[in-house]
Structure formats: structure tokens, C-alpha cells
Amino acid sequence: MGKPGQRQFGSVRKLPSGRGQARYQLDDGRRLKSPRTFVTKSDATLWLDKARTNLAAGLRSDPERERLTLEAYARGWLEELVGISEHTPGDLHPSD
């Protein structure tokens, strides 16, 4: 058990800029940090609470994936599709 008032999941550190950064450790030992910084410690704590809830629900929050652009995500998703060609067959779009 930690000290009174100490978080049981993750931590928030104050950066030289004055902003807060949330961090937590996975069961496999990897340390993850929030993809962005927060104006208040309270905002960083809320982010940690969401990450903890996602982990408990089996929805691992991966800050690295949060940094993906929509284009990068879409390209990765398309690459994982099986049996889809680069061009859509014309018969899927009947002409008027």
C-alpha cells in the first residue's frame, strides 16, 4: 500500500514547462506516457483514470496509437484487409 494520497495507478510529473505528464506501467514492465501534456494535474489524473478503466475492461490504451494521424491509421487498416484489391470493381457502382 502506498502513502496516503498517493495514486495506486500511474503517476503525474510536473515538467519544466509547468505542464503535467501522466505515466503508467504495464504488467509486462513497459512504461507508457500520455501522448500529450496537461495544463492541470487534475486533467492528467483524469487521463490516467481513463487508461486504468480501459485496461480493466481489456481495452488497452496505447498512447503510441493515439499519436497516429488518420491517414496513417487508415493505411494500416487497409493493409490488414484480406482479399481487397486496390481498385474497387465497377460492378459495385451501378451506372444510372
PDB file of N, CA and C in Angstrom:
ATOM      1  N   MET A   1       0.850  -1.173   0.000  1.00  0.00           N
ATOM      2  CA  MET A   1       0.000   0.000   0.000  1.00  0.00           C
ATOM      3  C   MET A   1       0.894   1.234   0.000  1.00  0.00           C
ATOM      4  N   GLY A   2       0.487   2.251  -0.701  1.00  0.00           N
ATOM      5  CA  GLY A   2       1.286   3.469  -0.789  1.00  0.00           C
ATOM      6  C   GLY A   2       0.990   4.437   0.333  1.00  0.00           C
ATOM      7  N   LYS A   3       1.606   5.573   0.233  1.00  0.00           N
ATOM      8  CA  LYS A   3       1.388   6.649   1.210  1.00  0.00           C
ATOM      9  C   LYS A   3      -0.015   7.221   1.030  1.00  0.00           C
ATOM     10  N   PRO A   4      -0.576   7.812   2.089  1.00  0.00           N
ATOM     11  CA  PRO A   4      -1.887   8.437   1.942  1.00  0.00           C
ATOM     12  C   PRO A   4      -1.853   9.503   0.840  1.00  0.00           C
ATOM     13  N   GLY A   5      -2.864   9.494  -0.025  1.00  0.00           N
ATOM     14  CA  GLY A   5      -2.930  10.468  -1.110  1.00  0.00           C
ATOM     15  C   GLY A   5      -2.130  10.077  -2.340  1.00  0.00           C
ATOM     16  N   GLN A   6      -1.361   8.984  -2.251  1.00  0.00           N
ATOM     17  CA  GLN A   6      -0.547   8.541  -3.388  1.00  0.00           C
ATOM     18  C   GLN A   6      -1.420   7.706  -4.331  1.00  0.00           C
ATOM     19  N   ARG A   7      -1.273   7.931  -5.609  1.00  0.00           N
ATOM     20  CA  ARG A   7      -2.033   7.166  -6.600  1.00  0.00           C
ATOM     21  C   ARG A   7      -1.620   5.713  -6.580  1.00  0.00           C
ATOM     22  N   GLN A   8      -2.577   4.818  -6.821  1.00  0.00           N
ATOM     23  CA  GLN A   8      -2.270   3.391  -6.911  1.00  0.00           C
ATOM     24  C   GLN A   8      -1.973   2.984  -8.347  1.00  0.00           C
ATOM     25  N   PHE A   9      -2.333   3.823  -9.299  1.00  0.00           N
ATOM     26  CA  PHE A   9      -2.090   3.521 -10.707  1.00  0.00           C
ATOM     27  C   PHE A   9      -1.490   4.741 -11.367  1.00  0.00           C
ATOM     28  N   GLY A  10      -0.299   4.605 -11.878  1.00  0.00           N
ATOM     29  CA  GLY A  10       0.337   5.676 -12.623  1.00  0.00           C
ATOM     30  C   GLY A  10       0.817   6.816 -11.754  1.00  0.00           C
ATOM     31  N   SER A  11       1.367   7.797 -12.436  1.00  0.00           N
ATOM     32  CA  SER A  11       1.866   8.976 -11.742  1.00  0.00           C
ATOM     33  C   SER A  11       1.770  10.179 -12.672  1.00  0.00           C
ATOM     34  N   VAL A  12       1.829  11.340 -12.059  1.00  0.00           N
ATOM     35  CA  VAL A  12       1.827  12.590 -12.815  1.00  0.00           C
ATOM     36  C   VAL A  12       3.066  13.358 -12.394  1.00  0.00           C
ATOM     37  N   ARG A  13       3.850  13.762 -13.374  1.00  0.00           N
ATOM     38  CA  ARG A  13       5.024  14.566 -13.047  1.00  0.00           C
ATOM     39  C   ARG A  13       4.881  15.944 -13.660  1.00  0.00           C
ATOM     40  N   LYS A  14       5.455  16.915 -12.983  1.00  0.00           N
ATOM     41  CA  LYS A  14       5.421  18.285 -13.477  1.00  0.00           C
ATOM     42  C   LYS A  14       6.658  18.516 -14.338  1.00  0.00           C
ATOM     43  N   LEU A  15       6.435  18.946 -15.558  1.00  0.00           N
ATOM     44  CA  LEU A  15       7.523  19.210 -16.493  1.00  0.00           C
ATOM     45  C   LEU A  15       8.067  20.625 -16.283  1.00  0.00           C
ATOM     46  N   PRO A  16       9.274  20.904 -16.787  1.00  0.00           N
ATOM     47  CA  PRO A  16       9.839  22.256 -16.652  1.00  0.00           C
ATOM     48  C   PRO A  16       8.923  23.351 -17.204  1.00  0.00           C
ATOM     49  N   SER A  17       8.079  22.991 -18.159  1.00  0.00           N
ATOM     50  CA  SER A  17       7.142  23.963 -18.737  1.00  0.00           C
ATOM     51  C   SER A  17       6.003  24.304 -17.777  1.00  0.00           C
ATOM     52  N   GLY A  18       5.891  23.514 -16.706  1.00  0.00           N
ATOM     53  CA  GLY A  18       4.805  23.710 -15.761  1.00  0.00           C
ATOM     54  C   GLY A  18       3.610  22.812 -16.039  1.00  0.00           C
ATOM     55  N   ARG A  19       3.615  22.154 -17.182  1.00  0.00           N
ATOM     56  CA  ARG A  19       2.522  21.251 -17.542  1.00  0.00           C
ATOM     57  C   ARG A  19       2.756  19.892 -16.896  1.00  0.00           C
ATOM     58  N   GLY A  20       1.705  19.078 -16.842  1.00  0.00           N
ATOM     59  CA  GLY A  20       1.802  17.756 -16.244  1.00  0.00           C
ATOM     60  C   GLY A  20       1.852  16.665 -17.296  1.00  0.00           C
ATOM     61  N   GLN A  21       2.559  15.584 -16.979  1.00  0.00           N
ATOM     62  CA  GLN A  21       2.625  14.433 -17.872  1.00  0.00           C
ATOM     63  C   GLN A  21       2.232  13.191 -17.079  1.00  0.00           C
ATOM     64  N   ALA A  22       1.270  12.441 -17.611  1.00  0.00           N
ATOM     65  CA  ALA A  22       0.803  11.215 -16.967  1.00  0.00           C
ATOM     66  C   ALA A  22       1.613  10.035 -17.482  1.00  0.00           C
ATOM     67  N   ARG A  23       1.938   9.114 -16.553  1.00  0.00           N
ATOM     68  CA  ARG A  23       2.702   7.909 -16.920  1.00  0.00           C
ATOM     69  C   ARG A  23       2.156   6.728 -16.139  1.00  0.00           C
ATOM     70  N   TYR A  24       2.261   5.530 -16.746  1.00  0.00           N
ATOM     71  CA  TYR A  24       1.909   4.312 -16.019  1.00  0.00           C
ATOM     72  C   TYR A  24       2.712   3.145 -16.577  1.00  0.00           C
ATOM     73  N   GLN A  25       2.710   2.052 -15.815  1.00  0.00           N
ATOM     74  CA  GLN A  25       3.493   0.875 -16.193  1.00  0.00           C
ATOM     75  C   GLN A  25       2.554  -0.294 -16.440  1.00  0.00           C
ATOM     76  N   LEU A  26       2.792  -1.016 -17.533  1.00  0.00           N
ATOM     77  CA  LEU A  26       2.007  -2.203 -17.857  1.00  0.00           C
ATOM     78  C   LEU A  26       2.542  -3.397 -17.072  1.00  0.00           C
ATOM     79  N   ASP A  27       1.765  -4.464 -17.032  1.00  0.00           N
ATOM     80  CA  ASP A  27       2.185  -5.681 -16.327  1.00  0.00           C
ATOM     81  C   ASP A  27       3.477  -6.259 -16.899  1.00  0.00           C
ATOM     82  N   ASP A  28       3.719  -6.035 -18.191  1.00  0.00           N
ATOM     83  CA  ASP A  28       4.938  -6.576 -18.819  1.00  0.00           C
ATOM     84  C   ASP A  28       6.167  -5.700 -18.560  1.00  0.00           C
ATOM     85  N   GLY A  29       5.992  -4.641 -17.766  1.00  0.00           N
ATOM     86  CA  GLY A  29       7.121  -3.796 -17.388  1.00  0.00           C
ATOM     87  C   GLY A  29       7.314  -2.561 -18.249  1.00  0.00           C
ATOM     88  N   ARG A  30       6.627  -2.507 -19.400  1.00  0.00           N
ATOM     89  CA  ARG A  30       6.766  -1.331 -20.256  1.00  0.00           C
ATOM     90  C   ARG A  30       6.135  -0.127 -19.581  1.00  0.00           C
ATOM     91  N   ARG A  31       6.810   1.015 -19.697  1.00  0.00           N
ATOM     92  CA  ARG A  31       6.285   2.260 -19.147  1.00  0.00           C
ATOM     93  C   ARG A  31       5.723   3.092 -20.286  1.00  0.00           C
ATOM     94  N   LEU A  32       4.497   3.526 -20.112  1.00  0.00           N
ATOM     95  CA  LEU A  32       3.834   4.332 -21.131  1.00  0.00           C
ATOM     96  C   LEU A  32       3.543   5.712 -20.573  1.00  0.00           C
ATOM     97  N   LYS A  33       3.603   6.695 -21.442  1.00  0.00           N
ATOM     98  CA  LYS A  33       3.274   8.063 -21.031  1.00  0.00           C
ATOM     99  C   LYS A  33       2.170   8.596 -21.923  1.00  0.00           C
ATOM    100  N   SER A  34       1.475   9.590 -21.427  1.00  0.00           N
ATOM    101  CA  SER A  34       0.388  10.189 -22.192  1.00  0.00           C
ATOM    102  C   SER A  34       0.950  10.809 -23.469  1.00  0.00           C
ATOM    103  N   PRO A  35       0.164  10.802 -24.545  1.00  0.00           N
ATOM    104  CA  PRO A  35       0.648  11.355 -25.806  1.00  0.00           C
ATOM    105  C   PRO A  35       0.697  12.876 -25.813  1.00  0.00           C
ATOM    106  N   ARG A  36       0.148  13.480 -24.799  1.00  0.00           N
ATOM    107  CA  ARG A  36       0.160  14.943 -24.709  1.00  0.00           C
ATOM    108  C   ARG A  36       0.384  15.326 -23.250  1.00  0.00           C
ATOM    109  N   THR A  37       0.626  16.582 -23.021  1.00  0.00           N
ATOM    110  CA  THR A  37       0.772  17.087 -21.659  1.00  0.00           C
ATOM    111  C   THR A  37      -0.520  17.796 -21.270  1.00  0.00           C
ATOM    112  N   PHE A  38      -0.657  18.075 -19.986  1.00  0.00           N
ATOM    113  CA  PHE A  38      -1.906  18.626 -19.462  1.00  0.00           C
ATOM    114  C   PHE A  38      -1.642  19.918 -18.713  1.00  0.00           C
ATOM    115  N   VAL A  39      -2.588  20.831 -18.780  1.00  0.00           N
ATOM    116  CA  VAL A  39      -2.465  22.110 -18.100  1.00  0.00           C
ATOM    117  C   VAL A  39      -2.510  21.906 -16.586  1.00  0.00           C
ATOM    118  N   THR A  40      -3.398  21.008 -16.132  1.00  0.00           N
ATOM    119  CA  THR A  40      -3.543  20.791 -14.696  1.00  0.00           C
ATOM    120  C   THR A  40      -3.258  19.336 -14.324  1.00  0.00           C
ATOM    121  N   LYS A  41      -2.893  19.147 -13.077  1.00  0.00           N
ATOM    122  CA  LYS A  41      -2.680  17.795 -12.569  1.00  0.00           C
ATOM    123  C   LYS A  41      -3.993  17.017 -12.602  1.00  0.00           C
ATOM    124  N   SER A  42      -5.081  17.711 -12.380  1.00  0.00           N
ATOM    125  CA  SER A  42      -6.398  17.091 -12.399  1.00  0.00           C
ATOM    126  C   SER A  42      -6.714  16.503 -13.785  1.00  0.00           C
ATOM    127  N   ASP A  43      -6.369  17.221 -14.840  1.00  0.00           N
ATOM    128  CA  ASP A  43      -6.588  16.719 -16.206  1.00  0.00           C
ATOM    129  C   ASP A  43      -5.744  15.472 -16.461  1.00  0.00           C
ATOM    130  N   ALA A  44      -4.500  15.482 -16.008  1.00  0.00           N
ATOM    131  CA  ALA A  44      -3.625  14.318 -16.177  1.00  0.00           C
ATOM    132  C   ALA A  44      -4.164  13.127 -15.392  1.00  0.00           C
ATOM    133  N   THR A  45      -4.693  13.384 -14.210  1.00  0.00           N
ATOM    134  CA  THR A  45      -5.268  12.325 -13.380  1.00  0.00           C
ATOM    135  C   THR A  45      -6.494  11.715 -14.053  1.00  0.00           C
ATOM    136  N   LEU A  46      -7.317  12.550 -14.682  1.00  0.00           N
ATOM    137  CA  LEU A  46      -8.474  12.034 -15.416  1.00  0.00           C
ATOM    138  C   LEU A  46      -8.030  11.124 -16.561  1.00  0.00           C
ATOM    139  N   TRP A  47      -6.953  11.506 -17.257  1.00  0.00           N
ATOM    140  CA  TRP A  47      -6.434  10.674 -18.348  1.00  0.00           C
ATOM    141  C   TRP A  47      -5.975   9.319 -17.791  1.00  0.00           C
ATOM    142  N   LEU A  48      -5.292   9.329 -16.652  1.00  0.00           N
ATOM    143  CA  LEU A  48      -4.857   8.077 -16.023  1.00  0.00           C
ATOM    144  C   LEU A  48      -6.047   7.214 -15.623  1.00  0.00           C
ATOM    145  N   ASP A  49      -7.088   7.840 -15.096  1.00  0.00           N
ATOM    146  CA  ASP A  49      -8.290   7.088 -14.713  1.00  0.00           C
ATOM    147  C   ASP A  49      -8.903   6.399 -15.924  1.00  0.00           C
ATOM    148  N   LYS A  50      -8.937   7.090 -17.063  1.00  0.00           N
ATOM    149  CA  LYS A  50      -9.479   6.503 -18.289  1.00  0.00           C
ATOM    150  C   LYS A  50      -8.596   5.339 -18.755  1.00  0.00           C
ATOM    151  N   ALA A  51      -7.278   5.522 -18.701  1.00  0.00           N
ATOM    152  CA  ALA A  51      -6.360   4.455 -19.104  1.00  0.00           C
ATOM    153  C   ALA A  51      -6.549   3.233 -18.214  1.00  0.00           C
ATOM    154  N   ARG A  52      -6.703   3.451 -16.906  1.00  0.00           N
ATOM    155  CA  ARG A  52      -6.894   2.336 -15.965  1.00  0.00           C
ATOM    156  C   ARG A  52      -8.213   1.612 -16.246  1.00  0.00           C
ATOM    157  N   THR A  53      -9.271   2.363 -16.506  1.00  0.00           N
ATOM    158  CA  THR A  53     -10.567   1.768 -16.821  1.00  0.00           C
ATOM    159  C   THR A  53     -10.478   0.938 -18.095  1.00  0.00           C
ATOM    160  N   ASN A  54      -9.805   1.464 -19.110  1.00  0.00           N
ATOM    161  CA  ASN A  54      -9.642   0.725 -20.366  1.00  0.00           C
ATOM    162  C   ASN A  54      -8.869  -0.565 -20.159  1.00  0.00           C
ATOM    163  N   LEU A  55      -7.820  -0.515 -19.358  1.00  0.00           N
ATOM    164  CA  LEU A  55      -7.044  -1.722 -19.079  1.00  0.00           C
ATOM    165  C   LEU A  55      -7.900  -2.760 -18.369  1.00  0.00           C
ATOM    166  N   ALA A  56      -8.680  -2.332 -17.397  1.00  0.00           N
ATOM    167  CA  ALA A  56      -9.533  -3.255 -16.642  1.00  0.00           C
ATOM    168  C   ALA A  56     -10.595  -3.889 -17.545  1.00  0.00           C
ATOM    169  N   ALA A  57     -11.032  -3.167 -18.558  1.00  0.00           N
ATOM    170  CA  ALA A  57     -12.049  -3.670 -19.482  1.00  0.00           C
ATOM    171  C   ALA A  57     -11.429  -4.461 -20.633  1.00  0.00           C
ATOM    172  N   GLY A  58     -10.107  -4.605 -20.612  1.00  0.00           N
ATOM    173  CA  GLY A  58      -9.437  -5.324 -21.688  1.00  0.00           C
ATOM    174  C   GLY A  58      -9.203  -4.479 -22.924  1.00  0.00           C
ATOM    175  N   LEU A  59      -9.413  -3.191 -22.796  1.00  0.00           N
ATOM    176  CA  LEU A  59      -9.200  -2.262 -23.906  1.00  0.00           C
ATOM    177  C   LEU A  59      -7.939  -1.470 -23.630  1.00  0.00           C
ATOM    178  N   ARG A  60      -6.800  -2.108 -23.856  1.00  0.00           N
ATOM    179  CA  ARG A  60      -5.533  -1.465 -23.515  1.00  0.00           C
ATOM    180  C   ARG A  60      -5.380  -0.154 -24.252  1.00  0.00           C
ATOM    181  N   SER A  61      -5.148   0.875 -23.498  1.00  0.00           N
ATOM    182  CA  SER A  61      -4.902   2.192 -24.070  1.00  0.00           C
ATOM    183  C   SER A  61      -3.442   2.271 -24.464  1.00  0.00           C
ATOM    184  N   ASP A  62      -3.172   2.546 -25.723  1.00  0.00           N
ATOM    185  CA  ASP A  62      -1.796   2.607 -26.199  1.00  0.00           C
ATOM    186  C   ASP A  62      -1.508   4.024 -26.684  1.00  0.00           C
ATOM    187  N   PRO A  63      -0.815   4.811 -25.864  1.00  0.00           N
ATOM    188  CA  PRO A  63      -0.533   6.203 -26.253  1.00  0.00           C
ATOM    189  C   PRO A  63       0.161   6.330 -27.598  1.00  0.00           C
ATOM    190  N   GLU A  64       0.958   5.335 -27.991  1.00  0.00           N
ATOM    191  CA  GLU A  64       1.625   5.404 -29.293  1.00  0.00           C
ATOM    192  C   GLU A  64       0.593   5.426 -30.420  1.00  0.00           C
ATOM    193  N   ARG A  65      -0.489   4.655 -30.273  1.00  0.00           N
ATOM    194  CA  ARG A  65      -1.523   4.636 -31.303  1.00  0.00           C
ATOM    195  C   ARG A  65      -2.307   5.947 -31.315  1.00  0.00           C
ATOM    196  N   GLU A  66      -2.392   6.600 -30.165  1.00  0.00           N
ATOM    197  CA  GLU A  66      -3.106   7.871 -30.108  1.00  0.00           C
ATOM    198  C   GLU A  66      -2.388   8.947 -30.905  1.00  0.00           C
ATOM    199  N   ARG A  67      -1.130   8.760 -31.184  1.00  0.00           N
ATOM    200  CA  ARG A  67      -0.352   9.741 -31.940  1.00  0.00           C
ATOM    201  C   ARG A  67      -0.513   9.574 -33.444  1.00  0.00           C
ATOM    202  N   LEU A  68      -1.144   8.493 -33.883  1.00  0.00           N
ATOM    203  CA  LEU A  68      -1.304   8.244 -35.304  1.00  0.00           C
ATOM    204  C   LEU A  68      -2.213   9.292 -35.945  1.00  0.00           C
ATOM    205  N   THR A  69      -1.863   9.663 -37.148  1.00  0.00           N
ATOM    206  CA  THR A  69      -2.761  10.514 -37.914  1.00  0.00           C
ATOM    207  C   THR A  69      -3.848   9.627 -38.510  1.00  0.00           C
ATOM    208  N   LEU A  70      -4.927  10.222 -38.924  1.00  0.00           N
ATOM    209  CA  LEU A  70      -5.995   9.451 -39.553  1.00  0.00           C
ATOM    210  C   LEU A  70      -5.473   8.743 -40.801  1.00  0.00           C
ATOM    211  N   GLU A  71      -4.642   9.432 -41.560  1.00  0.00           N
ATOM    212  CA  GLU A  71      -4.100   8.824 -42.780  1.00  0.00           C
ATOM    213  C   GLU A  71      -3.270   7.589 -42.458  1.00  0.00           C
ATOM    214  N   ALA A  72      -2.400   7.675 -41.456  1.00  0.00           N
ATOM    215  CA  ALA A  72      -1.561   6.531 -41.086  1.00  0.00           C
ATOM    216  C   ALA A  72      -2.413   5.376 -40.571  1.00  0.00           C
ATOM    217  N   TYR A  73      -3.437   5.693 -39.780  1.00  0.00           N
ATOM    218  CA  TYR A  73      -4.323   4.654 -39.271  1.00  0.00           C
ATOM    219  C   TYR A  73      -5.040   3.962 -40.424  1.00  0.00           C
ATOM    220  N   ALA A  74      -5.584   4.761 -41.357  1.00  0.00           N
ATOM    221  CA  ALA A  74      -6.333   4.202 -42.488  1.00  0.00           C
ATOM    222  C   ALA A  74      -5.443   3.324 -43.356  1.00  0.00           C
ATOM    223  N   ARG A  75      -4.218   3.758 -43.607  1.00  0.00           N
ATOM    224  CA  ARG A  75      -3.295   2.940 -44.412  1.00  0.00           C
ATOM    225  C   ARG A  75      -3.012   1.609 -43.723  1.00  0.00           C
ATOM    226  N   GLY A  76      -2.772   1.640 -42.421  1.00  0.00           N
ATOM    227  CA  GLY A  76      -2.533   0.405 -41.672  1.00  0.00           C
ATOM    228  C   GLY A  76      -3.733  -0.511 -41.689  1.00  0.00           C
ATOM    229  N   TRP A  77      -4.918   0.068 -41.544  1.00  0.00           N
ATOM    230  CA  TRP A  77      -6.147  -0.718 -41.563  1.00  0.00           C
ATOM    231  C   TRP A  77      -6.336  -1.369 -42.921  1.00  0.00           C
ATOM    232  N   LEU A  78      -6.115  -0.599 -43.995  1.00  0.00           N
ATOM    233  CA  LEU A  78      -6.276  -1.142 -45.339  1.00  0.00           C
ATOM    234  C   LEU A  78      -5.279  -2.262 -45.622  1.00  0.00           C
ATOM    235  N   GLU A  79      -4.067  -2.133 -45.110  1.00  0.00           N
ATOM    236  CA  GLU A  79      -3.052  -3.160 -45.324  1.00  0.00           C
ATOM    237  C   GLU A  79      -3.424  -4.474 -44.646  1.00  0.00           C
ATOM    238  N   GLU A  80      -4.238  -4.403 -43.589  1.00  0.00           N
ATOM    239  CA  GLU A  80      -4.631  -5.607 -42.862  1.00  0.00           C
ATOM    240  C   GLU A  80      -5.806  -6.333 -43.503  1.00  0.00           C
ATOM    241  N   LEU A  81      -6.496  -5.677 -44.422  1.00  0.00           N
ATOM    242  CA  LEU A  81      -7.628  -6.305 -45.091  1.00  0.00           C
ATOM    243  C   LEU A  81      -7.146  -7.411 -46.012  1.00  0.00           C
ATOM    244  N   VAL A  82      -7.887  -8.487 -46.054  1.00  0.00           N
ATOM    245  CA  VAL A  82      -7.523  -9.622 -46.896  1.00  0.00           C
ATOM    246  C   VAL A  82      -8.514  -9.716 -48.048  1.00  0.00           C
ATOM    247  N   GLY A  83      -8.003  -9.926 -49.238  1.00  0.00           N
ATOM    248  CA  GLY A  83      -8.861 -10.123 -50.396  1.00  0.00           C
ATOM    249  C   GLY A  83      -9.464  -8.853 -50.958  1.00  0.00           C
ATOM    250  N   ILE A  84      -8.953  -7.717 -50.582  1.00  0.00           N
ATOM    251  CA  ILE A  84      -9.455  -6.453 -51.114  1.00  0.00           C
ATOM    252  C   ILE A  84      -8.403  -5.903 -52.072  1.00  0.00           C
ATOM    253  N   SER A  85      -8.828  -5.591 -53.281  1.00  0.00           N
ATOM    254  CA  SER A  85      -7.873  -5.062 -54.245  1.00  0.00           C
ATOM    255  C   SER A  85      -7.749  -3.559 -54.089  1.00  0.00           C
ATOM    256  N   GLU A  86      -6.753  -3.011 -54.722  1.00  0.00           N
ATOM    257  CA  GLU A  86      -6.508  -1.579 -54.659  1.00  0.00           C
ATOM    258  C   GLU A  86      -7.625  -0.796 -55.348  1.00  0.00           C
ATOM    259  N   HIS A  87      -8.255  -1.414 -56.350  1.00  0.00           N
ATOM    260  CA  HIS A  87      -9.308  -0.753 -57.124  1.00  0.00           C
ATOM    261  C   HIS A  87     -10.637  -1.446 -56.863  1.00  0.00           C
ATOM    262  N   THR A  88     -11.664  -0.664 -56.693  1.00  0.00           N
ATOM    263  CA  THR A  88     -12.998  -1.216 -56.466  1.00  0.00           C
ATOM    264  C   THR A  88     -13.585  -1.623 -57.814  1.00  0.00           C
ATOM    265  N   PRO A  89     -14.113  -2.848 -57.908  1.00  0.00           N
ATOM    266  CA  PRO A  89     -14.714  -3.283 -59.175  1.00  0.00           C
ATOM    267  C   PRO A  89     -15.881  -2.372 -59.565  1.00  0.00           C
ATOM    268  N   GLY A  90     -16.008  -2.097 -60.852  1.00  0.00           N
ATOM    269  CA  GLY A  90     -17.052  -1.206 -61.355  1.00  0.00           C
ATOM    270  C   GLY A  90     -18.456  -1.711 -61.090  1.00  0.00           C
ATOM    271  N   ASP A  91     -18.628  -3.051 -60.995  1.00  0.00           N
ATOM    272  CA  ASP A  91     -19.985  -3.565 -60.827  1.00  0.00           C
ATOM    273  C   ASP A  91     -20.565  -3.267 -59.440  1.00  0.00           C
ATOM    274  N   LEU A  92     -19.731  -2.770 -58.521  1.00  0.00           N
ATOM    275  CA  LEU A  92     -20.245  -2.379 -57.205  1.00  0.00           C
ATOM    276  C   LEU A  92     -20.905  -1.003 -57.265  1.00  0.00           C
ATOM    277  N   HIS A  93     -20.666  -0.277 -58.350  1.00  0.00           N
ATOM    278  CA  HIS A  93     -21.241   1.050 -58.509  1.00  0.00           C
ATOM    279  C   HIS A  93     -22.056   1.071 -59.807  1.00  0.00           C
ATOM    280  N   PRO A  94     -23.309   0.590 -59.734  1.00  0.00           N
ATOM    281  CA  PRO A  94     -24.098   0.550 -60.986  1.00  0.00           C
ATOM    282  C   PRO A  94     -24.287   1.953 -61.562  1.00  0.00           C
ATOM    283  N   SER A  95     -24.223   2.029 -62.880  1.00  0.00           N
ATOM    284  CA  SER A  95     -24.426   3.341 -63.516  1.00  0.00           C
ATOM    285  C   SER A  95     -25.911   3.633 -63.616  1.00  0.00           C
ATOM    286  N   ASP A  96     -26.158   4.923 -63.630  1.00  0.00           N
ATOM    287  CA  ASP A  96     -27.563   5.376 -63.708  1.00  0.00           C
ATOM    288  C   ASP A  96     -28.060   5.340 -65.106  1.00  0.00           C
TER     289      ASP A  96
END
